[in-house]
Amino acid sequence: MRARRGRDTADTAPGRAMIAVLLLVLGAVLVSSAARRAGVPAPIALAVAGLAVSYVPGVPGFRLDPHLALFVFVPPLVYADSLESSYLNLRANARPIALLSVGLVLVTVPAVGLVVHAVVPGTPWPVAFLLGAVLAPTDAVAAVSTARRLGLPRRLVTVLVAESVVNDATGMTVFRLALAVALGGGTTLLGGTAQFLVAAIGGVATGLLLAVLVNLLRRRLADAVAETAVSVLVPFGACLAAEAVHASGILAVLAAGLYAGHHAPASSHEARLQEKATWRLVTHMLEAVTFVLIGLQLPAVLGALGTVDAGRLALAAAAVFCALALTRICWVFPATYVPRLLSARLRERDPAPPWQMPAAVSWAGIRGVVSLAAAFAVPPTVPHRDLLLFLTFCVVLSTLLLQGLTFPVLVHRLGLRAEHQAYQDDLAEAVAQETAARAAWERVEQLVHDGAVPGHVLDRLRETAQHRRHTAWERLSAPGRPVVRETPTAAYRRLRREMLAAERGAFVRLRGEGRIDDEVLRRVLHRLDLEEAMLCRD
């Protein structure tokens, strides 16, 4: 009887853990959805919710496993962002991206190290620089969600998103070197530079090689479900393959995602639709869980500190936050204008932006899960590890709350919203759609030149081509002036959606009457859903 009771207790422990994880995921998704509806940045709402829940009696402790964060959470999030990024835009903005994602990271490490060594007496130099490496990279998830939600100019969004993705690789490479020094492993400046270059080049090469092989495999599969499954495995495979050869796993994931996104048009339409829906689901859930976990770490961090003077800790945290913010400001403005002062060719090709642009960039240094995971990855044998954890948590939470909440206000005050971006996009789409419609009709004329085709078929094809052209042009209105009347295409979409709803209801009723089978219902509903999705995207 006693053995039976012990076995029952053991059997229920995994069940309780599973229930806790399910509640964590469900709560994170609900908070994220509520934040989006309320217009609040989801990362901030999630972190605050996690922080509040951590003080609720009976809530189990959730310790952020650094391996789980660095190898399970971060790769798919970076890969999903790189799929949506433009390789051409990254290449066009390579200079500012490199200055932020490489130059700023390398400057931030010693700047934070100097401040920590000054405000926390007794902190060894290697540990101080290790904290600088932990806090150097900005957060990709927070940057993407904030920049795109605010409707910033496209170039500014491209630079901020690319910086936050690429500097993860830079920061983690520097972190590994700083950790080796803190653990007593000697390294020289030349040796560290060589390791950094090898890790960066090896990561890019590994990611590109894997992406090329996966692209060839997907073309041979010709199956949407299989292609989507392969796509989900790519970020993990790229990260593990790069780490196996001591290269940058995050940079490998970035390179693989950029290659896959650039070659996405070669895939089938079904594969693209499934892949996009799958990655939207994956990123939504991972982002929600990630930022809730950040807030839930506070009890573990405070418990590790023990009896330490609270005033000294608060002063140290404030000093590190100020060091990060001031270092970014002091770097961004010279990095923006000095190269143009030194090069007349650069001034002609890329004139200096107004001061509002670097001002916004300088306040966009939000930290997140990568920094927190790196801090937890520091071994217990490193001196002052508990202090390092506390300072990292405080800085991550401070940047999320202070910079995350004030950044939209700053953007509004600086007048940086791209008010005419939608008009410019609609105009570019209309011109491109005109060219594409002509090419489509020319192709039809080539195909029917030698064969007899019923006239009503040609009329319907011509109607479709004209509808595409008219839809794009009808979206246009004067910049900043909303369309005050319903366009013919909008009226068509509205009425056609009502027709689809009526058709869907009729099919469901026929299924209920037993006149069609569920298999038939699923097939026709799939066609109706695809048409409705197309109407919503027009």
Protein backbone atom coordinates (compact mmCIF):
# COMPACT_ATOMS: atom_id res chain seq x y z
CA MET A 1 0.00 0.00 0.00
CA ARG A 2 2.81 2.35 0.83
CA ALA A 3 4.54 1.57 -2.46
CA ARG A 4 1.32 2.23 -4.32
CA ARG A 5 0.93 5.64 -2.67
CA GLY A 6 4.51 6.57 -3.51
CA ARG A 7 4.02 5.56 -7.10
CA ASP A 8 0.81 7.65 -7.31
CA THR A 9 2.67 10.66 -5.94
CA ALA A 10 5.42 10.23 -8.49
CA ASP A 11 2.89 9.83 -11.26
CA THR A 12 1.11 13.08 -10.37
CA ALA A 13 4.27 15.21 -10.30
CA PRO A 14 4.69 15.28 -14.10
CA GLY A 15 0.97 15.97 -14.38
CA ARG A 16 1.22 19.01 -12.12
CA ALA A 17 4.20 20.27 -14.09
CA MET A 18 2.30 19.82 -17.33
CA ILE A 19 -0.71 21.70 -15.96
CA ALA A 20 1.55 24.55 -14.84
CA VAL A 21 3.12 24.78 -18.31
CA LEU A 22 -0.29 24.72 -20.01
CA LEU A 23 -1.57 27.47 -17.72
CA LEU A 24 1.57 29.49 -18.41
CA VAL A 25 1.10 29.23 -22.19
CA LEU A 26 -2.65 29.92 -22.00
CA GLY A 27 -2.17 32.92 -19.73
CA ALA A 28 0.58 34.31 -21.94
CA VAL A 29 -1.56 34.01 -25.06
CA LEU A 30 -4.56 35.66 -23.38
CA VAL A 31 -2.49 38.57 -22.05
CA SER A 32 -0.87 39.05 -25.45
CA SER A 33 -4.25 39.10 -27.18
CA ALA A 34 -5.66 41.59 -24.65
CA ALA A 35 -2.60 43.83 -25.05
CA ARG A 36 -2.96 43.90 -28.83
CA ARG A 37 -6.62 44.84 -28.57
CA ALA A 38 -5.84 47.60 -26.08
CA GLY A 39 -3.03 48.97 -28.22
CA VAL A 40 -0.41 48.25 -25.54
CA PRO A 41 2.95 46.78 -26.61
CA ALA A 42 2.61 43.06 -25.99
CA PRO A 43 6.18 42.52 -24.63
CA ILE A 44 5.63 45.13 -21.91
CA ALA A 45 2.21 43.81 -20.89
CA LEU A 46 3.52 40.25 -20.77
CA ALA A 47 6.56 41.13 -18.66
CA VAL A 48 4.42 43.10 -16.18
CA ALA A 49 1.90 40.26 -16.01
CA GLY A 50 4.66 37.75 -15.30
CA LEU A 51 6.08 40.04 -12.63
CA ALA A 52 2.68 40.36 -10.95
CA VAL A 53 1.90 36.65 -11.12
CA SER A 54 5.28 35.78 -9.56
CA TYR A 55 4.01 37.24 -6.24
CA VAL A 56 0.72 35.31 -6.24
CA PRO A 57 0.77 32.68 -3.45
CA GLY A 58 0.92 29.13 -4.74
CA VAL A 59 2.33 29.97 -8.16
CA PRO A 60 5.20 27.57 -8.88
CA GLY A 61 8.59 28.96 -9.68
CA PHE A 62 9.53 29.03 -13.36
CA ARG A 63 13.27 29.12 -13.78
CA LEU A 64 14.41 30.21 -17.23
CA ASP A 65 16.63 27.44 -18.56
CA PRO A 66 19.34 29.20 -20.62
CA HIS A 67 19.62 26.27 -23.02
CA LEU A 68 15.86 26.33 -23.55
CA ALA A 69 15.95 30.05 -24.31
CA LEU A 70 19.05 30.09 -26.50
CA PHE A 71 18.33 26.92 -28.46
CA VAL A 72 14.53 26.60 -28.42
CA PHE A 73 13.04 30.11 -28.14
CA VAL A 74 15.56 32.37 -29.87
CA PRO A 75 16.28 30.44 -33.14
CA PRO A 76 12.65 30.22 -34.37
CA LEU A 77 11.98 33.86 -33.43
CA VAL A 78 15.08 35.07 -35.28
CA TYR A 79 14.27 32.84 -38.24
CA ALA A 80 10.68 34.09 -38.49
CA ASP A 81 11.86 37.72 -38.42
CA SER A 82 14.53 37.05 -41.05
CA LEU A 83 11.94 35.38 -43.31
CA GLU A 84 9.99 38.65 -43.29
CA SER A 85 13.12 40.78 -43.75
CA SER A 86 14.41 41.93 -47.12
CA TYR A 87 17.86 40.82 -48.19
CA LEU A 88 17.97 43.71 -50.66
CA ASN A 89 17.11 46.25 -47.95
CA LEU A 90 19.71 44.77 -45.62
CA ARG A 91 22.36 45.01 -48.32
CA ALA A 92 21.37 48.60 -49.08
CA ASN A 93 21.68 49.52 -45.38
CA ALA A 94 24.72 47.40 -44.56
CA ARG A 95 26.79 50.32 -43.22
CA PRO A 96 24.37 51.60 -40.52
CA ILE A 97 23.42 48.04 -39.59
CA ALA A 98 27.07 47.04 -39.14
CA LEU A 99 27.82 50.16 -37.11
CA LEU A 100 24.98 49.34 -34.72
CA SER A 101 25.07 45.54 -34.59
CA VAL A 102 28.88 45.19 -34.44
CA GLY A 103 30.44 48.55 -33.57
CA LEU A 104 27.97 49.50 -30.84
CA VAL A 105 28.15 46.07 -29.22
CA LEU A 106 31.96 46.23 -29.06
CA VAL A 107 31.77 49.72 -27.51
CA THR A 108 29.02 48.81 -25.03
CA VAL A 109 30.99 45.97 -23.42
CA PRO A 110 33.85 48.11 -22.02
CA ALA A 111 31.52 51.04 -21.25
CA VAL A 112 29.30 48.91 -19.02
CA GLY A 113 32.35 47.17 -17.56
CA LEU A 114 33.90 50.46 -16.48
CA VAL A 115 30.68 51.62 -14.79
CA VAL A 116 30.13 48.32 -12.97
CA HIS A 117 33.70 48.24 -11.73
CA ALA A 118 33.29 51.81 -10.44
CA VAL A 119 29.90 51.57 -8.71
CA VAL A 120 30.32 48.04 -7.30
CA PRO A 121 33.68 47.97 -5.50
CA GLY A 122 35.39 44.62 -5.55
CA THR A 123 33.90 43.46 -8.85
CA PRO A 124 36.66 41.81 -10.92
CA TRP A 125 37.30 43.32 -14.34
CA PRO A 126 36.44 40.06 -16.18
CA VAL A 127 33.04 39.88 -14.43
CA ALA A 128 32.34 43.56 -15.16
CA PHE A 129 33.10 43.05 -18.87
CA LEU A 130 31.05 39.84 -18.83
CA LEU A 131 28.01 41.84 -17.71
CA GLY A 132 28.68 44.26 -20.57
CA ALA A 133 28.65 41.34 -23.02
CA VAL A 134 25.40 40.03 -21.54
CA LEU A 135 23.63 43.39 -21.91
CA ALA A 136 25.14 44.47 -25.23
CA PRO A 137 22.59 42.92 -27.67
CA THR A 138 19.16 44.47 -28.05
CA ASP A 139 16.03 42.36 -28.28
CA ALA A 140 14.75 41.34 -31.70
CA VAL A 141 11.18 40.57 -30.62
CA ALA A 142 10.61 43.85 -28.80
CA ALA A 143 12.19 45.86 -31.61
CA VAL A 144 10.09 44.24 -34.33
CA SER A 145 6.78 44.52 -32.46
CA THR A 146 7.39 48.14 -31.46
CA ALA A 147 8.87 49.51 -34.69
CA ARG A 148 6.30 47.99 -37.03
CA ARG A 149 3.37 48.85 -34.79
CA LEU A 150 4.33 52.54 -34.76
CA GLY A 151 4.47 52.81 -38.56
CA LEU A 152 8.01 54.20 -38.66
CA PRO A 153 9.73 54.95 -41.97
CA ARG A 154 10.66 51.70 -43.68
CA ARG A 155 14.39 52.33 -43.64
CA LEU A 156 14.33 53.02 -39.91
CA VAL A 157 12.37 49.80 -39.29
CA THR A 158 14.82 47.84 -41.44
CA VAL A 159 17.83 49.16 -39.53
CA LEU A 160 16.31 48.58 -36.08
CA VAL A 161 15.10 45.06 -36.87
CA ALA A 162 18.36 44.05 -38.57
CA GLU A 163 20.40 45.49 -35.70
CA SER A 164 18.47 43.55 -33.08
CA VAL A 165 18.83 40.29 -35.02
CA VAL A 166 22.48 40.62 -36.06
CA ASN A 167 23.76 41.97 -32.76
CA ASP A 168 22.49 38.84 -31.02
CA ALA A 169 25.20 36.97 -32.89
CA THR A 170 27.79 39.63 -32.09
CA GLY A 171 26.82 39.79 -28.43
CA MET A 172 26.78 36.03 -27.92
CA THR A 173 30.18 35.67 -29.59
CA VAL A 174 31.66 38.34 -27.32
CA PHE A 175 29.87 36.73 -24.38
CA ARG A 176 31.61 33.41 -24.98
CA LEU A 177 34.99 35.13 -25.06
CA ALA A 178 34.25 37.17 -21.92
CA LEU A 179 32.99 34.05 -20.12
CA ALA A 180 36.19 32.19 -20.98
CA VAL A 181 38.24 35.02 -19.47
CA ALA A 182 36.04 35.17 -16.35
CA LEU A 183 36.51 31.43 -15.84
CA GLY A 184 40.27 31.83 -15.97
CA GLY A 185 40.91 31.01 -19.62
CA GLY A 186 43.53 33.34 -21.01
CA THR A 187 43.02 35.00 -24.37
CA THR A 188 44.64 37.89 -26.21
CA LEU A 189 43.02 40.71 -28.15
CA LEU A 190 44.29 39.21 -31.40
CA GLY A 191 43.07 35.75 -30.43
CA GLY A 192 39.67 37.07 -29.41
CA THR A 193 39.32 38.98 -32.68
CA ALA A 194 40.23 35.87 -34.65
CA GLN A 195 37.66 33.79 -32.75
CA PHE A 196 35.02 36.45 -33.38
CA LEU A 197 35.68 36.51 -37.13
CA VAL A 198 35.75 32.74 -37.39
CA ALA A 199 32.46 32.44 -35.50
CA ALA A 200 30.80 35.12 -37.66
CA ILE A 201 32.04 33.83 -41.04
CA GLY A 202 31.42 30.22 -40.03
CA GLY A 203 27.89 31.02 -38.92
CA VAL A 204 26.97 32.76 -42.16
CA ALA A 205 28.55 30.00 -44.27
CA THR A 206 26.80 27.25 -42.30
CA GLY A 207 23.42 28.95 -42.54
CA LEU A 208 23.72 29.60 -46.27
CA LEU A 209 24.89 26.04 -46.99
CA LEU A 210 22.00 24.55 -45.04
CA ALA A 211 19.52 26.94 -46.69
CA VAL A 212 20.69 25.97 -50.18
CA LEU A 213 20.34 22.27 -49.39
CA VAL A 214 16.91 22.76 -47.85
CA ASN A 215 15.78 24.79 -50.86
CA LEU A 216 16.81 21.96 -53.20
CA LEU A 217 15.01 19.44 -50.97
CA ARG A 218 11.80 21.49 -50.90
CA ARG A 219 11.70 21.70 -54.68
CA ARG A 220 11.89 17.91 -54.90
CA LEU A 221 9.25 17.38 -52.21
CA ALA A 222 6.53 19.37 -53.98
CA ASP A 223 4.29 18.82 -50.96
CA ALA A 224 3.06 21.78 -48.93
CA VAL A 225 2.79 19.95 -45.60
CA ALA A 226 6.25 18.42 -45.92
CA GLU A 227 7.76 21.75 -46.99
CA THR A 228 6.26 23.51 -43.96
CA ALA A 229 7.55 20.79 -41.64
CA VAL A 230 11.05 21.19 -43.09
CA SER A 231 10.80 24.96 -42.67
CA VAL A 232 10.04 24.59 -38.96
CA LEU A 233 13.15 22.41 -38.51
CA VAL A 234 15.52 24.78 -40.34
CA PRO A 235 16.29 27.26 -37.49
CA PHE A 236 17.10 24.48 -35.04
CA GLY A 237 19.22 22.63 -37.60
CA ALA A 238 21.11 25.79 -38.56
CA CYS A 239 21.79 26.69 -34.92
CA LEU A 240 22.97 23.19 -33.95
CA ALA A 241 25.10 22.79 -37.07
CA ALA A 242 26.85 26.11 -36.50
CA GLU A 243 27.44 25.46 -32.81
CA ALA A 244 28.89 22.05 -33.69
CA VAL A 245 31.68 23.77 -35.65
CA HIS A 246 32.08 26.50 -32.98
CA ALA A 247 30.44 29.15 -35.15
CA SER A 248 27.63 31.59 -34.38
CA GLY A 249 24.34 29.70 -34.30
CA ILE A 250 22.19 32.82 -34.32
CA LEU A 251 24.03 34.24 -37.33
CA ALA A 252 23.53 30.91 -39.10
CA VAL A 253 19.79 31.11 -38.41
CA LEU A 254 19.72 34.69 -39.73
CA ALA A 255 21.53 33.75 -42.95
CA ALA A 256 19.28 30.73 -43.52
CA GLY A 257 16.13 32.80 -42.96
CA LEU A 258 17.21 35.58 -45.31
CA TYR A 259 18.02 33.05 -48.05
CA ALA A 260 14.73 31.20 -47.56
CA GLY A 261 12.70 34.41 -47.56
CA HIS A 262 14.44 35.71 -50.69
CA HIS A 263 13.69 32.46 -52.56
CA ALA A 264 10.15 32.00 -51.19
CA PRO A 265 8.47 32.98 -54.50
CA ALA A 266 9.85 29.76 -56.04
CA SER A 267 7.67 27.67 -53.68
CA SER A 268 4.09 26.68 -54.42
CA HIS A 269 1.25 28.95 -53.35
CA GLU A 270 -0.06 26.31 -50.95
CA ALA A 271 3.34 25.95 -49.27
CA ARG A 272 3.66 29.73 -48.84
CA LEU A 273 0.18 30.01 -47.32
CA GLN A 274 0.75 27.14 -44.88
CA GLU A 275 4.24 28.29 -43.96
CA LYS A 276 3.11 31.84 -43.25
CA ALA A 277 0.22 30.68 -41.06
CA THR A 278 2.45 28.22 -39.21
CA TRP A 279 5.14 30.78 -38.43
CA ARG A 280 2.57 33.33 -37.28
CA LEU A 281 1.28 30.78 -34.76
CA VAL A 282 4.76 29.74 -33.62
CA THR A 283 6.04 33.28 -33.13
CA HIS A 284 2.87 34.44 -31.37
CA MET A 285 3.09 31.68 -28.77
CA LEU A 286 6.87 31.87 -28.29
CA GLU A 287 6.86 35.65 -27.92
CA ALA A 288 4.07 35.46 -25.36
CA VAL A 289 5.75 32.78 -23.26
CA THR A 290 9.18 34.42 -23.52
CA PHE A 291 8.19 37.76 -22.03
CA VAL A 292 5.98 36.24 -19.34
CA LEU A 293 9.00 34.16 -18.28
CA ILE A 294 11.06 37.34 -17.97
CA GLY A 295 8.65 38.70 -15.37
CA LEU A 296 8.47 35.37 -13.54
CA GLN A 297 12.22 35.32 -12.90
CA LEU A 298 12.17 37.97 -10.14
CA PRO A 299 11.68 35.63 -7.14
CA ALA A 300 14.56 33.40 -8.25
CA VAL A 301 16.84 36.41 -8.80
CA LEU A 302 16.02 38.03 -5.45
CA GLY A 303 16.31 34.72 -3.63
CA ALA A 304 19.84 34.22 -4.92
CA LEU A 305 20.99 37.62 -3.63
CA GLY A 306 20.30 36.96 0.03
CA THR A 307 21.07 39.86 2.38
CA VAL A 308 22.57 42.57 0.20
CA ASP A 309 22.14 46.30 0.70
CA ALA A 310 19.07 47.27 -1.36
CA GLY A 311 20.25 50.87 -1.82
CA ARG A 312 23.57 49.76 -3.28
CA LEU A 313 21.79 47.36 -5.64
CA ALA A 314 19.37 50.07 -6.83
CA LEU A 315 22.25 52.49 -7.43
CA ALA A 316 24.19 49.87 -9.39
CA ALA A 317 21.15 48.98 -11.54
CA ALA A 318 20.42 52.65 -12.29
CA ALA A 319 24.08 53.28 -13.17
CA VAL A 320 24.18 50.31 -15.59
CA PHE A 321 20.95 51.42 -17.27
CA CYS A 322 22.29 54.97 -17.68
CA ALA A 323 25.56 53.61 -19.05
CA LEU A 324 23.69 51.60 -21.70
CA ALA A 325 21.45 54.50 -22.68
CA LEU A 326 24.22 57.12 -22.82
CA THR A 327 26.60 54.83 -24.70
CA ARG A 328 23.97 54.24 -27.36
CA ILE A 329 23.22 57.96 -27.70
CA CYS A 330 26.91 58.89 -27.86
CA TRP A 331 27.50 56.24 -30.53
CA VAL A 332 24.45 56.68 -32.78
CA PHE A 333 24.84 60.37 -33.59
CA PRO A 334 28.54 60.26 -34.59
CA ALA A 335 27.98 56.97 -36.47
CA THR A 336 25.23 58.70 -38.45
CA TYR A 337 26.99 61.93 -39.39
CA VAL A 338 30.77 61.41 -39.17
CA PRO A 339 31.03 59.00 -42.14
CA ARG A 340 29.18 61.53 -44.31
CA LEU A 341 31.49 64.33 -43.16
CA LEU A 342 34.49 62.25 -44.18
CA SER A 343 33.16 61.05 -47.55
CA ALA A 344 31.70 63.35 -50.20
CA ARG A 345 30.72 60.31 -52.25
CA LEU A 346 28.66 58.97 -49.36
CA ARG A 347 26.99 62.37 -48.90
CA GLU A 348 25.92 62.37 -52.55
CA ARG A 349 24.71 58.78 -52.55
CA ASP A 350 23.06 58.87 -49.12
CA PRO A 351 22.39 62.37 -47.74
CA ALA A 352 22.40 62.85 -44.00
CA PRO A 353 19.01 62.16 -42.37
CA PRO A 354 17.35 64.73 -40.10
CA TRP A 355 18.39 64.59 -36.45
CA GLN A 356 15.06 63.04 -35.51
CA MET A 357 16.09 59.72 -37.10
CA PRO A 358 19.21 59.07 -34.98
CA ALA A 359 17.33 60.43 -31.96
CA ALA A 360 14.73 57.68 -32.35
CA VAL A 361 17.39 55.02 -32.97
CA SER A 362 19.32 56.09 -29.88
CA TRP A 363 16.29 55.42 -27.63
CA ALA A 364 15.40 52.05 -29.16
CA GLY A 365 17.85 49.90 -27.19
CA ILE A 366 15.37 47.52 -25.55
CA ARG A 367 16.91 44.39 -23.99
CA GLY A 368 15.14 41.06 -23.64
CA VAL A 369 15.31 37.31 -23.45
CA VAL A 370 18.75 36.87 -25.02
CA SER A 371 20.41 38.94 -22.30
CA LEU A 372 18.50 37.16 -19.55
CA ALA A 373 19.29 33.71 -20.97
CA ALA A 374 22.98 34.61 -21.25
CA ALA A 375 23.03 35.75 -17.61
CA PHE A 376 21.48 32.49 -16.43
CA ALA A 377 24.03 30.59 -18.55
CA VAL A 378 26.89 31.99 -16.46
CA PRO A 379 28.21 29.09 -14.31
CA PRO A 380 27.89 29.33 -10.50
CA THR A 381 31.69 29.28 -10.22
CA VAL A 382 31.92 32.80 -11.66
CA PRO A 383 32.32 35.37 -8.83
CA HIS A 384 29.40 37.77 -8.21
CA ARG A 385 27.09 35.71 -10.45
CA ASP A 386 24.05 36.59 -8.31
CA LEU A 387 24.75 40.30 -8.68
CA LEU A 388 25.17 39.86 -12.42
CA LEU A 389 21.79 38.12 -12.60
CA PHE A 390 20.09 40.87 -10.60
CA LEU A 391 21.56 43.71 -12.65
CA THR A 392 20.63 41.96 -15.90
CA PHE A 393 17.05 41.45 -14.76
CA CYS A 394 16.71 45.06 -13.62
CA VAL A 395 18.11 46.44 -16.88
CA VAL A 396 15.93 44.18 -19.05
CA LEU A 397 12.81 45.17 -17.14
CA SER A 398 13.81 48.85 -17.09
CA THR A 399 14.35 49.01 -20.83
CA LEU A 400 11.07 47.21 -21.49
CA LEU A 401 9.09 49.53 -19.24
CA LEU A 402 10.91 52.86 -19.50
CA GLN A 403 12.12 52.83 -23.09
CA GLY A 404 9.30 50.63 -24.36
CA LEU A 405 6.58 52.90 -22.98
CA THR A 406 8.24 56.21 -23.85
CA PHE A 407 9.44 55.24 -27.33
CA PRO A 408 5.99 55.71 -28.98
CA VAL A 409 5.69 59.12 -27.29
CA LEU A 410 9.14 60.10 -28.55
CA VAL A 411 8.31 58.99 -32.08
CA HIS A 412 5.13 61.05 -31.98
CA ARG A 413 6.95 64.14 -30.69
CA LEU A 414 9.67 63.78 -33.32
CA GLY A 415 7.07 63.45 -36.09
CA LEU A 416 8.61 60.29 -37.50
CA ARG A 417 5.49 58.35 -38.35
CA ALA A 418 5.47 57.40 -42.03
CA GLU A 419 2.09 58.96 -42.76
CA HIS A 420 2.46 58.63 -46.52
CA GLN A 421 4.05 55.17 -46.48
CA ALA A 422 0.71 53.46 -47.20
CA TYR A 423 0.11 55.75 -50.18
CA GLN A 424 3.58 55.11 -51.55
CA ASP A 425 3.11 51.37 -51.15
CA ASP A 426 -0.28 51.49 -52.89
CA LEU A 427 1.19 53.53 -55.75
CA ALA A 428 4.11 51.12 -56.19
CA GLU A 429 1.70 48.17 -56.11
CA ALA A 430 -0.59 49.79 -58.68
CA VAL A 431 2.26 50.40 -61.11
CA ALA A 432 3.58 46.87 -60.61
CA GLN A 433 0.08 45.39 -60.96
CA GLU A 434 -0.38 47.24 -64.25
CA THR A 435 2.83 45.68 -65.60
CA ALA A 436 1.91 42.23 -64.28
CA ALA A 437 -1.60 42.36 -65.78
CA ARG A 438 -0.19 43.23 -69.19
CA ALA A 439 2.31 40.38 -68.96
CA ALA A 440 -0.49 37.99 -67.94
CA TRP A 441 -2.70 38.99 -70.87
CA GLU A 442 0.20 38.72 -73.33
CA ARG A 443 0.79 35.20 -72.05
CA VAL A 444 -2.88 34.32 -72.60
CA GLU A 445 -2.72 35.62 -76.17
CA GLN A 446 0.35 33.47 -76.82
CA LEU A 447 -1.40 30.35 -75.50
CA VAL A 448 -4.64 30.83 -77.46
CA HIS A 449 -2.98 31.95 -80.70
CA ASP A 450 -2.95 28.48 -82.24
CA GLY A 451 -5.93 26.91 -80.46
CA ALA A 452 -9.63 27.63 -80.38
CA VAL A 453 -10.79 28.95 -77.00
CA PRO A 454 -14.43 29.81 -76.23
CA GLY A 455 -15.06 33.52 -76.24
CA HIS A 456 -16.67 33.59 -72.80
CA VAL A 457 -13.48 32.08 -71.33
CA LEU A 458 -11.38 34.88 -72.83
CA ASP A 459 -13.87 37.45 -71.55
CA ARG A 460 -13.64 36.05 -68.04
CA LEU A 461 -9.82 36.06 -68.13
CA ARG A 462 -9.80 39.62 -69.43
CA GLU A 463 -12.18 40.61 -66.63
CA THR A 464 -9.88 39.07 -64.04
CA ALA A 465 -6.85 40.94 -65.37
CA GLN A 466 -8.74 44.22 -65.41
CA HIS A 467 -10.04 43.60 -61.89
CA ARG A 468 -6.47 43.20 -60.63
CA ARG A 469 -5.43 46.47 -62.25
CA HIS A 470 -8.47 48.42 -61.05
CA THR A 471 -8.22 47.11 -57.49
CA ALA A 472 -4.70 48.47 -57.08
CA TRP A 473 -5.48 51.87 -58.61
CA GLU A 474 -8.71 52.33 -56.66
CA ARG A 475 -6.82 52.19 -53.37
CA LEU A 476 -5.06 55.42 -54.23
CA SER A 477 -6.18 58.75 -52.85
CA ALA A 478 -4.35 61.91 -52.00
CA PRO A 479 -1.68 61.31 -49.33
CA GLY A 480 -3.14 61.77 -45.88
CA ARG A 481 -6.73 61.97 -47.17
CA PRO A 482 -8.92 58.94 -46.53
CA VAL A 483 -11.25 57.66 -49.26
CA VAL A 484 -14.72 58.96 -48.40
CA ARG A 485 -16.72 56.76 -50.76
CA GLU A 486 -16.90 53.04 -51.38
CA THR A 487 -15.00 52.07 -54.50
CA PRO A 488 -16.48 49.56 -56.96
CA THR A 489 -13.92 46.97 -55.89
CA ALA A 490 -14.73 47.52 -52.20
CA ALA A 491 -18.44 47.10 -52.95
CA TYR A 492 -17.68 43.90 -54.87
CA ARG A 493 -15.64 42.52 -51.95
CA ARG A 494 -18.35 43.37 -49.43
CA LEU A 495 -21.15 41.78 -51.46
CA ARG A 496 -19.05 38.76 -52.42
CA ARG A 497 -18.23 38.08 -48.77
CA GLU A 498 -21.97 38.14 -47.99
CA MET A 499 -22.51 35.65 -50.82
CA LEU A 500 -19.77 33.41 -49.45
CA ALA A 501 -21.36 33.51 -45.99
CA ALA A 502 -24.70 32.48 -47.51
CA GLU A 503 -23.04 29.67 -49.49
CA ARG A 504 -21.23 28.46 -46.38
CA GLY A 505 -24.50 28.41 -44.44
CA ALA A 506 -26.20 26.44 -47.21
CA PHE A 507 -23.46 23.82 -47.26
CA VAL A 508 -23.60 23.44 -43.47
CA ARG A 509 -27.38 23.04 -43.64
CA LEU A 510 -27.07 20.37 -46.34
CA ARG A 511 -24.57 18.52 -44.16
CA GLY A 512 -27.00 18.66 -41.24
CA GLU A 513 -29.76 17.24 -43.44
CA GLY A 514 -27.50 14.36 -44.44
CA ARG A 515 -27.44 15.32 -48.12
CA ILE A 516 -23.66 15.78 -48.23
CA ASP A 517 -20.87 14.12 -46.25
CA ASP A 518 -18.40 15.88 -43.94
CA GLU A 519 -15.61 15.20 -46.45
CA VAL A 520 -17.54 17.10 -49.13
CA LEU A 521 -18.23 19.91 -46.67
CA ARG A 522 -14.55 20.29 -45.76
CA ARG A 523 -13.57 20.37 -49.42
CA VAL A 524 -16.04 23.11 -50.42
CA LEU A 525 -15.38 25.13 -47.25
CA HIS A 526 -11.66 25.10 -48.07
CA ARG A 527 -12.37 26.66 -51.46
CA LEU A 528 -14.67 29.27 -49.95
CA ASP A 529 -12.11 30.09 -47.26
CA LEU A 530 -9.37 30.60 -49.84
CA GLU A 531 -11.57 32.94 -51.85
CA GLU A 532 -12.56 34.91 -48.75
CA ALA A 533 -8.92 35.17 -47.69
CA MET A 534 -8.07 36.54 -51.13
CA LEU A 535 -10.89 39.08 -50.87
CA CYS A 536 -9.63 40.23 -47.47
CA ARG A 537 -6.11 40.69 -48.85
CA ASP A 538 -7.20 42.73 -51.90
